[in-house]
Amino acid sequence: MKFRRKADTTPATAETSAESAADDTAGPAAGTGPFDVTQVEGDGVERADLGSVLVPAIADRELRLQVDEKSGQVRAVMLAGSDGACEFQAFAAPRNGDLWSEVRPQIAEDMARRGGQATEREGRWGTELVCQMPVRRPDGTTATQPSRIVGVNGDRWMLRASFLGKPAVDPDTTSDWEDALAQIVVRRGDQAMPVGEPLPVTLPDDARRVR
């Protein structure tokens, strides 16, 4: 894993290459995840341990962590590839609940408040959001940033993922991105947490910092 540091006032980015993955179909059967940590115990698959999420090496995908330089806290976890990216985060949820159905309309409302829009479609994990958000480029011009947000309900957790790039605008031809997300493992832990609280993400001990 490489850890790239920028200026002290900006987040840093950690990266781990997936090129060493011998077989991205190893482990649980493709299409049945994301998984709870109890489902993969003893499967022999090596994964990057980020605390609440465990990520295996996935061919043609690079694991990137956005880290606050001052606090050292991981702010975002992302899988990046040549045609897009997938940012994901796990949250505390009630047992046997459907937190995604509760937060999905809240995400759509927030998009609308910020001048964007979100429409629902049915996907691999049920109802998801296809979003369009206006953004300002560095040169001052405006553009539209597409994204596709999915939610997966687990055992006392929910995993939310945002697809960017081609997997956001052309999901029917980029199922490999969904296969990558399906390999993520969530470790909820036994601690009591408010529903909707983000599960803590930690930087691996073997991360290397390079300028």
C-alpha atoms as a PDB file:
ATOM      1  CA  MET A   1       0.000   0.000   0.000  1.00  0.00           C
ATOM      2  CA  LYS A   2       1.268   3.459  -0.892  1.00  0.00           C
ATOM      3  CA  PHE A   3       0.268   6.516   1.090  1.00  0.00           C
ATOM      4  CA  ARG A   4       0.529   9.774  -0.806  1.00  0.00           C
ATOM      5  CA  ARG A   5       0.860  12.935   1.235  1.00  0.00           C
ATOM      6  CA  LYS A   6      -0.123  16.329  -0.100  1.00  0.00           C
ATOM      7  CA  ALA A   7       0.100  19.687   1.644  1.00  0.00           C
ATOM      8  CA  ASP A   8      -0.708  19.732   5.345  1.00  0.00           C
ATOM      9  CA  THR A   9      -3.925  21.627   4.651  1.00  0.00           C
ATOM     10  CA  THR A  10      -5.251  19.026   2.222  1.00  0.00           C
ATOM     11  CA  PRO A  11      -6.262  15.399   2.627  1.00  0.00           C
ATOM     12  CA  ALA A  12      -3.773  12.700   1.748  1.00  0.00           C
ATOM     13  CA  THR A  13      -4.448   9.684  -0.402  1.00  0.00           C
ATOM     14  CA  ALA A  14      -3.405   6.131   0.306  1.00  0.00           C
ATOM     15  CA  GLU A  15      -3.222   3.664  -2.526  1.00  0.00           C
ATOM     16  CA  THR A  16      -2.808  -0.082  -2.757  1.00  0.00           C
ATOM     17  CA  SER A  17      -2.331  -1.811  -6.080  1.00  0.00           C
ATOM     18  CA  ALA A  18      -4.527  -4.740  -7.030  1.00  0.00           C
ATOM     19  CA  GLU A  19      -2.246  -5.872  -9.822  1.00  0.00           C
ATOM     20  CA  SER A  20      -0.885  -8.669  -7.655  1.00  0.00           C
ATOM     21  CA  ALA A  21      -4.294 -10.319  -7.446  1.00  0.00           C
ATOM     22  CA  ALA A  22      -3.865 -13.764  -8.892  1.00  0.00           C
ATOM     23  CA  ASP A  23      -7.581 -14.398  -9.311  1.00  0.00           C
ATOM     24  CA  ASP A  24     -10.291 -11.843  -8.608  1.00  0.00           C
ATOM     25  CA  THR A  25     -12.891 -14.603  -8.424  1.00  0.00           C
ATOM     26  CA  ALA A  26     -11.263 -16.198  -5.379  1.00  0.00           C
ATOM     27  CA  GLY A  27     -13.181 -16.411  -2.137  1.00  0.00           C
ATOM     28  CA  PRO A  28     -17.008 -16.384  -1.884  1.00  0.00           C
ATOM     29  CA  ALA A  29     -19.017 -16.847  -5.050  1.00  0.00           C
ATOM     30  CA  ALA A  30     -19.297 -13.709  -7.163  1.00  0.00           C
ATOM     31  CA  GLY A  31     -22.659 -11.995  -6.954  1.00  0.00           C
ATOM     32  CA  THR A  32     -23.506 -12.944  -3.366  1.00  0.00           C
ATOM     33  CA  GLY A  33     -21.797 -10.092  -1.480  1.00  0.00           C
ATOM     34  CA  PRO A  34     -20.999  -7.699   0.089  1.00  0.00           C
ATOM     35  CA  PHE A  35     -20.409  -9.946   3.077  1.00  0.00           C
ATOM     36  CA  ASP A  36     -20.512  -9.834   6.835  1.00  0.00           C
ATOM     37  CA  VAL A  37     -17.173 -10.788   8.355  1.00  0.00           C
ATOM     38  CA  THR A  38     -18.749 -13.900   9.887  1.00  0.00           C
ATOM     39  CA  GLN A  39     -19.466 -15.227   6.376  1.00  0.00           C
ATOM     40  CA  VAL A  40     -15.830 -15.258   5.257  1.00  0.00           C
ATOM     41  CA  GLU A  41     -13.953 -16.447   8.340  1.00  0.00           C
ATOM     42  CA  GLY A  42     -11.318 -18.998   7.402  1.00  0.00           C
ATOM     43  CA  ASP A  43     -11.750 -18.615   3.637  1.00  0.00           C
ATOM     44  CA  GLY A  44      -8.022 -17.925   3.188  1.00  0.00           C
ATOM     45  CA  VAL A  45      -8.482 -14.713   1.193  1.00  0.00           C
ATOM     46  CA  GLU A  46      -6.031 -11.944   2.101  1.00  0.00           C
ATOM     47  CA  ARG A  47      -7.736  -8.587   2.606  1.00  0.00           C
ATOM     48  CA  ALA A  48      -6.647  -5.070   3.494  1.00  0.00           C
ATOM     49  CA  ASP A  49      -7.967  -4.523   7.033  1.00  0.00           C
ATOM     50  CA  LEU A  50      -9.469  -1.044   7.352  1.00  0.00           C
ATOM     51  CA  GLY A  51     -11.343  -1.709  10.565  1.00  0.00           C
ATOM     52  CA  SER A  52     -15.008  -1.707   9.574  1.00  0.00           C
ATOM     53  CA  VAL A  53     -14.327  -2.810   5.993  1.00  0.00           C
ATOM     54  CA  LEU A  54     -11.988  -5.455   4.612  1.00  0.00           C
ATOM     55  CA  VAL A  55     -10.983  -5.215   0.963  1.00  0.00           C
ATOM     56  CA  PRO A  56      -9.342  -8.004  -1.069  1.00  0.00           C
ATOM     57  CA  ALA A  57      -6.966  -7.340  -3.939  1.00  0.00           C
ATOM     58  CA  ILE A  58      -9.171  -6.905  -7.010  1.00  0.00           C
ATOM     59  CA  ALA A  59      -7.721  -7.084 -10.501  1.00  0.00           C
ATOM     60  CA  ASP A  60      -7.577  -3.722 -12.323  1.00  0.00           C
ATOM     61  CA  ARG A  61      -8.777  -1.858  -9.230  1.00  0.00           C
ATOM     62  CA  GLU A  62      -6.708   0.278  -6.862  1.00  0.00           C
ATOM     63  CA  LEU A  63      -7.688   0.899  -3.255  1.00  0.00           C
ATOM     64  CA  ARG A  64      -7.375   4.563  -2.324  1.00  0.00           C
ATOM     65  CA  LEU A  65      -7.886   6.126   1.087  1.00  0.00           C
ATOM     66  CA  GLN A  66      -8.457   9.825   1.574  1.00  0.00           C
ATOM     67  CA  VAL A  67      -6.931  10.733   4.929  1.00  0.00           C
ATOM     68  CA  ASP A  68      -7.156  13.940   6.922  1.00  0.00           C
ATOM     69  CA  GLU A  69      -3.544  15.054   7.308  1.00  0.00           C
ATOM     70  CA  LYS A  70      -4.019  16.669  10.727  1.00  0.00           C
ATOM     71  CA  SER A  71      -6.161  14.066  12.488  1.00  0.00           C
ATOM     72  CA  GLY A  72      -4.965  10.999  10.602  1.00  0.00           C
ATOM     73  CA  GLN A  73      -8.572   9.850  10.201  1.00  0.00           C
ATOM     74  CA  VAL A  74      -9.667   8.113   7.014  1.00  0.00           C
ATOM     75  CA  ARG A  75     -12.297  10.256   5.340  1.00  0.00           C
ATOM     76  CA  ALA A  76     -13.140   8.126   2.312  1.00  0.00           C
ATOM     77  CA  VAL A  77     -12.445   4.668   0.879  1.00  0.00           C
ATOM     78  CA  MET A  78     -12.469   4.195  -2.868  1.00  0.00           C
ATOM     79  CA  LEU A  79     -11.789   1.586  -5.521  1.00  0.00           C
ATOM     80  CA  ALA A  80     -10.414   3.289  -8.642  1.00  0.00           C
ATOM     81  CA  GLY A  81      -9.995   1.993 -12.178  1.00  0.00           C
ATOM     82  CA  SER A  82      -9.369   3.251 -15.688  1.00  0.00           C
ATOM     83  CA  ASP A  83     -13.049   3.914 -16.422  1.00  0.00           C
ATOM     84  CA  GLY A  84     -14.420   5.007 -13.061  1.00  0.00           C
ATOM     85  CA  ALA A  85     -14.456   4.608  -9.311  1.00  0.00           C
ATOM     86  CA  CYS A  86     -16.537   3.317  -6.420  1.00  0.00           C
ATOM     87  CA  GLU A  87     -16.522   5.079  -3.048  1.00  0.00           C
ATOM     88  CA  PHE A  88     -18.054   3.171  -0.143  1.00  0.00           C
ATOM     89  CA  GLN A  89     -18.744   3.421   3.585  1.00  0.00           C
ATOM     90  CA  ALA A  90     -20.430   1.231   6.186  1.00  0.00           C
ATOM     91  CA  PHE A  91     -22.972   2.489   8.737  1.00  0.00           C
ATOM     92  CA  ALA A  92     -24.542   1.088  11.892  1.00  0.00           C
ATOM     93  CA  ALA A  93     -28.052  -0.219  11.294  1.00  0.00           C
ATOM     94  CA  PRO A  94     -30.774  -2.032  13.261  1.00  0.00           C
ATOM     95  CA  ARG A  95     -30.830  -5.809  13.208  1.00  0.00           C
ATOM     96  CA  ASN A  96     -33.078  -7.124  10.417  1.00  0.00           C
ATOM     97  CA  GLY A  97     -33.816  -3.531   9.425  1.00  0.00           C
ATOM     98  CA  ASP A  98     -33.912  -1.723   6.088  1.00  0.00           C
ATOM     99  CA  LEU A  99     -31.876   1.412   6.698  1.00  0.00           C
ATOM    100  CA  TRP A 100     -31.337   1.961   2.973  1.00  0.00           C
ATOM    101  CA  SER A 101     -35.072   2.513   2.398  1.00  0.00           C
ATOM    102  CA  GLU A 102     -34.998   5.169   5.113  1.00  0.00           C
ATOM    103  CA  VAL A 103     -31.944   7.104   3.979  1.00  0.00           C
ATOM    104  CA  ARG A 104     -32.541   6.862   0.213  1.00  0.00           C
ATOM    105  CA  PRO A 105     -35.224   9.613   0.109  1.00  0.00           C
ATOM    106  CA  GLN A 106     -33.052  11.761   2.389  1.00  0.00           C
ATOM    107  CA  ILE A 107     -30.171  11.515  -0.099  1.00  0.00           C
ATOM    108  CA  ALA A 108     -32.534  12.479  -2.948  1.00  0.00           C
ATOM    109  CA  GLU A 109     -33.830  15.465  -0.992  1.00  0.00           C
ATOM    110  CA  ASP A 110     -30.291  16.612  -0.224  1.00  0.00           C
ATOM    111  CA  MET A 111     -29.414  16.367  -3.916  1.00  0.00           C
ATOM    112  CA  ALA A 112     -32.415  18.532  -4.805  1.00  0.00           C
ATOM    113  CA  ARG A 113     -31.493  21.125  -2.160  1.00  0.00           C
ATOM    114  CA  ARG A 114     -28.041  21.456  -3.713  1.00  0.00           C
ATOM    115  CA  GLY A 115     -29.421  21.916  -7.207  1.00  0.00           C
ATOM    116  CA  GLY A 116     -29.113  18.337  -8.419  1.00  0.00           C
ATOM    117  CA  GLN A 117     -31.561  15.548  -9.024  1.00  0.00           C
ATOM    118  CA  ALA A 118     -31.874  11.865  -8.215  1.00  0.00           C
ATOM    119  CA  THR A 119     -34.109   9.257  -9.826  1.00  0.00           C
ATOM    120  CA  GLU A 120     -34.698   5.688  -8.733  1.00  0.00           C
ATOM    121  CA  ARG A 121     -33.916   2.547 -10.719  1.00  0.00           C
ATOM    122  CA  GLU A 122     -33.885  -1.147  -9.901  1.00  0.00           C
ATOM    123  CA  GLY A 123     -30.439  -2.710  -9.795  1.00  0.00           C
ATOM    124  CA  ARG A 124     -28.504  -5.665  -8.461  1.00  0.00           C
ATOM    125  CA  TRP A 125     -29.200  -4.846  -4.811  1.00  0.00           C
ATOM    126  CA  GLY A 126     -32.691  -3.426  -5.263  1.00  0.00           C
ATOM    127  CA  THR A 127     -33.654   0.230  -5.574  1.00  0.00           C
ATOM    128  CA  GLU A 128     -30.766   2.594  -6.225  1.00  0.00           C
ATOM    129  CA  LEU A 129     -30.338   6.272  -7.075  1.00  0.00           C
ATOM    130  CA  VAL A 130     -29.091   7.721 -10.351  1.00  0.00           C
ATOM    131  CA  CYS A 131     -27.888  11.240  -9.583  1.00  0.00           C
ATOM    132  CA  GLN A 132     -26.890  14.350 -11.493  1.00  0.00           C
ATOM    133  CA  MET A 133     -25.115  17.091  -9.536  1.00  0.00           C
ATOM    134  CA  PRO A 134     -23.889  20.436 -10.908  1.00  0.00           C
ATOM    135  CA  VAL A 135     -20.232  21.112 -10.102  1.00  0.00           C
ATOM    136  CA  ARG A 136     -17.882  24.005 -10.759  1.00  0.00           C
ATOM    137  CA  ARG A 137     -14.662  23.351 -12.650  1.00  0.00           C
ATOM    138  CA  PRO A 138     -11.357  24.979 -11.623  1.00  0.00           C
ATOM    139  CA  ASP A 139     -11.713  27.417 -14.548  1.00  0.00           C
ATOM    140  CA  GLY A 140     -15.054  28.652 -13.219  1.00  0.00           C
ATOM    141  CA  THR A 141     -17.296  26.877 -15.713  1.00  0.00           C
ATOM    142  CA  THR A 142     -19.992  24.459 -14.608  1.00  0.00           C
ATOM    143  CA  ALA A 143     -20.546  20.811 -15.458  1.00  0.00           C
ATOM    144  CA  THR A 144     -22.761  17.932 -14.349  1.00  0.00           C
ATOM    145  CA  GLN A 145     -21.293  15.131 -12.226  1.00  0.00           C
ATOM    146  CA  PRO A 146     -23.181  11.835 -12.622  1.00  0.00           C
ATOM    147  CA  SER A 147     -23.159   9.217  -9.892  1.00  0.00           C
ATOM    148  CA  ARG A 148     -25.066   6.081  -8.983  1.00  0.00           C
ATOM    149  CA  ILE A 149     -25.683   5.309  -5.321  1.00  0.00           C
ATOM    150  CA  VAL A 150     -26.558   1.852  -4.012  1.00  0.00           C
ATOM    151  CA  GLY A 151     -27.271   0.592  -0.528  1.00  0.00           C
ATOM    152  CA  VAL A 152     -26.841  -2.935   0.829  1.00  0.00           C
ATOM    153  CA  ASN A 153     -28.471  -3.930   4.115  1.00  0.00           C
ATOM    154  CA  GLY A 154     -26.454  -6.366   6.230  1.00  0.00           C
ATOM    155  CA  ASP A 155     -26.467  -7.733   9.762  1.00  0.00           C
ATOM    156  CA  ARG A 156     -26.686  -4.543  11.869  1.00  0.00           C
ATOM    157  CA  TRP A 157     -24.915  -2.609   9.103  1.00  0.00           C
ATOM    158  CA  MET A 158     -25.601  -0.914   5.806  1.00  0.00           C
ATOM    159  CA  LEU A 159     -22.990  -0.441   3.098  1.00  0.00           C
ATOM    160  CA  ARG A 160     -23.503   2.611   0.896  1.00  0.00           C
ATOM    161  CA  ALA A 161     -21.557   2.909  -2.341  1.00  0.00           C
ATOM    162  CA  SER A 162     -21.329   5.648  -4.968  1.00  0.00           C
ATOM    163  CA  PHE A 163     -20.254   4.722  -8.484  1.00  0.00           C
ATOM    164  CA  LEU A 164     -18.543   7.429 -10.547  1.00  0.00           C
ATOM    165  CA  GLY A 165     -17.578   7.542 -14.211  1.00  0.00           C
ATOM    166  CA  LYS A 166     -18.732   4.861 -16.630  1.00  0.00           C
ATOM    167  CA  PRO A 167     -20.311   2.571 -13.969  1.00  0.00           C
ATOM    168  CA  ALA A 168     -22.529   5.522 -13.030  1.00  0.00           C
ATOM    169  CA  VAL A 169     -23.814   6.262 -16.530  1.00  0.00           C
ATOM    170  CA  ASP A 170     -23.687   2.801 -18.133  1.00  0.00           C
ATOM    171  CA  PRO A 171     -24.326   0.200 -15.428  1.00  0.00           C
ATOM    172  CA  ASP A 172     -25.529  -2.454 -17.873  1.00  0.00           C
ATOM    173  CA  THR A 173     -22.073  -2.802 -19.460  1.00  0.00           C
ATOM    174  CA  THR A 174     -19.978  -2.343 -16.309  1.00  0.00           C
ATOM    175  CA  SER A 175     -21.121  -5.245 -14.135  1.00  0.00           C
ATOM    176  CA  ASP A 176     -17.461  -5.845 -13.239  1.00  0.00           C
ATOM    177  CA  TRP A 177     -17.690  -2.809 -10.964  1.00  0.00           C
ATOM    178  CA  GLU A 178     -20.609  -4.351  -9.108  1.00  0.00           C
ATOM    179  CA  ASP A 179     -18.649  -7.607  -8.889  1.00  0.00           C
ATOM    180  CA  ALA A 180     -15.837  -5.625  -7.239  1.00  0.00           C
ATOM    181  CA  LEU A 181     -18.207  -4.083  -4.683  1.00  0.00           C
ATOM    182  CA  ALA A 182     -19.632  -7.533  -3.970  1.00  0.00           C
ATOM    183  CA  GLN A 183     -16.232  -8.641  -2.659  1.00  0.00           C
ATOM    184  CA  ILE A 184     -16.195  -6.054   0.152  1.00  0.00           C
ATOM    185  CA  VAL A 185     -16.502  -7.418   3.704  1.00  0.00           C
ATOM    186  CA  VAL A 186     -18.046  -5.435   6.578  1.00  0.00           C
ATOM    187  CA  ARG A 187     -16.981  -5.844  10.211  1.00  0.00           C
ATOM    188  CA  ARG A 188     -19.747  -4.326  12.349  1.00  0.00           C
ATOM    189  CA  GLY A 189     -18.279  -5.034  15.781  1.00  0.00           C
ATOM    190  CA  ASP A 190     -20.239  -5.554  18.987  1.00  0.00           C
ATOM    191  CA  GLN A 191     -20.185  -1.984  20.249  1.00  0.00           C
ATOM    192  CA  ALA A 192     -23.449  -0.102  20.642  1.00  0.00           C
ATOM    193  CA  MET A 193     -23.779   2.682  18.061  1.00  0.00           C
ATOM    194  CA  PRO A 194     -26.588   5.021  16.997  1.00  0.00           C
ATOM    195  CA  VAL A 195     -28.387   3.938  13.844  1.00  0.00           C
ATOM    196  CA  GLY A 196     -26.859   5.704  10.853  1.00  0.00           C
ATOM    197  CA  GLU A 197     -23.496   6.323  12.533  1.00  0.00           C
ATOM    198  CA  PRO A 198     -20.541   5.682  10.182  1.00  0.00           C
ATOM    199  CA  LEU A 199     -18.503   2.659  11.232  1.00  0.00           C
ATOM    200  CA  PRO A 200     -14.880   3.647  11.972  1.00  0.00           C
ATOM    201  CA  VAL A 201     -12.276   3.182   9.244  1.00  0.00           C
ATOM    202  CA  THR A 202      -8.593   2.878  10.150  1.00  0.00           C
ATOM    203  CA  LEU A 203      -5.398   3.192   8.150  1.00  0.00           C
ATOM    204  CA  PRO A 204      -3.495  -0.119   7.850  1.00  0.00           C
ATOM    205  CA  ASP A 205      -0.250  -0.324   9.816  1.00  0.00           C
ATOM    206  CA  ASP A 206       1.748  -1.240   6.704  1.00  0.00           C
ATOM    207  CA  ALA A 207       0.759   1.848   4.690  1.00  0.00           C
ATOM    208  CA  ARG A 208       3.773   3.666   3.218  1.00  0.00           C
ATOM    209  CA  ARG A 209       3.873   7.429   2.812  1.00  0.00           C
ATOM    210  CA  VAL A 210       5.452   8.864  -0.325  1.00  0.00           C
ATOM    211  CA  ARG A 211       5.473  12.403  -1.635  1.00  0.00           C
END
